[in-house]
Amino acid sequence: MMKATALTLGILCLLGTIVPPALVLAGMMDNAPMKLAMLVSTVVWFVTAPLWMTAR
């Protein structure tokens, strides 16, 4: 269960690093919120990735 949750959260965080720059390019988001969203997504990704990438 924890591995599935970490995987889902990790994938959402990867989207959190891709979608905000696209929204900035589309003019739907400013730079400051984009930077914050990408920072939070990156930190959560590095926390969750080892949980679901372990070879068990």
Protein backbone atom coordinates (compact mmCIF):
# COMPACT_ATOMS: atom_id res chain seq x y z
CA MET A 1 0.00 0.00 0.00
CA MET A 2 2.78 2.44 0.91
CA LYS A 3 4.65 1.68 -2.30
CA ALA A 4 1.55 2.41 -4.41
CA THR A 5 0.92 5.66 -2.55
CA ALA A 6 4.55 6.75 -2.99
CA LEU A 7 4.40 5.90 -6.70
CA THR A 8 1.21 7.90 -7.21
CA LEU A 9 2.59 10.85 -5.28
CA GLY A 10 5.86 10.64 -7.22
CA ILE A 11 4.08 10.73 -10.57
CA LEU A 12 1.99 13.70 -9.44
CA CYS A 13 5.18 15.48 -8.41
CA LEU A 14 6.74 14.83 -11.80
CA LEU A 15 3.67 16.48 -13.31
CA GLY A 16 4.21 19.29 -10.83
CA THR A 17 7.56 20.00 -12.45
CA ILE A 18 6.22 19.88 -16.01
CA VAL A 19 2.83 21.62 -15.85
CA PRO A 20 3.76 24.92 -14.12
CA PRO A 21 6.28 26.03 -16.80
CA ALA A 22 3.67 25.24 -19.46
CA LEU A 23 1.17 27.40 -17.58
CA VAL A 24 3.70 30.24 -17.44
CA LEU A 25 4.26 29.97 -21.18
CA ALA A 26 0.49 30.06 -21.70
CA GLY A 27 0.25 33.17 -19.52
CA MET A 28 -1.93 31.46 -16.93
CA MET A 29 0.59 31.58 -14.05
CA ASP A 30 3.26 33.98 -12.80
CA ASN A 31 6.89 33.08 -12.14
CA ALA A 32 6.79 33.13 -8.32
CA PRO A 33 4.01 30.50 -7.93
CA MET A 34 5.67 28.40 -10.63
CA LYS A 35 8.97 28.40 -8.75
CA LEU A 36 7.26 27.45 -5.51
CA ALA A 37 5.27 24.63 -7.15
CA MET A 38 8.40 23.26 -8.80
CA LEU A 39 10.41 23.47 -5.57
CA VAL A 40 7.78 21.63 -3.56
CA SER A 41 7.33 19.03 -6.30
CA THR A 42 11.06 18.42 -6.52
CA VAL A 43 11.49 18.00 -2.77
CA VAL A 44 8.54 15.61 -2.50
CA TRP A 45 9.83 13.66 -5.53
CA PHE A 46 13.23 13.13 -3.89
CA VAL A 47 11.52 11.97 -0.70
CA THR A 48 9.09 9.55 -2.37
CA ALA A 49 11.23 8.19 -5.22
CA PRO A 50 13.42 5.92 -3.06
CA LEU A 51 10.29 4.47 -1.45
CA TRP A 52 8.93 3.04 -4.69
CA MET A 53 12.17 2.52 -6.62
CA THR A 54 13.60 -0.01 -4.20
CA ALA A 55 14.09 -3.44 -5.71
CA ARG A 56 11.93 -5.63 -3.50
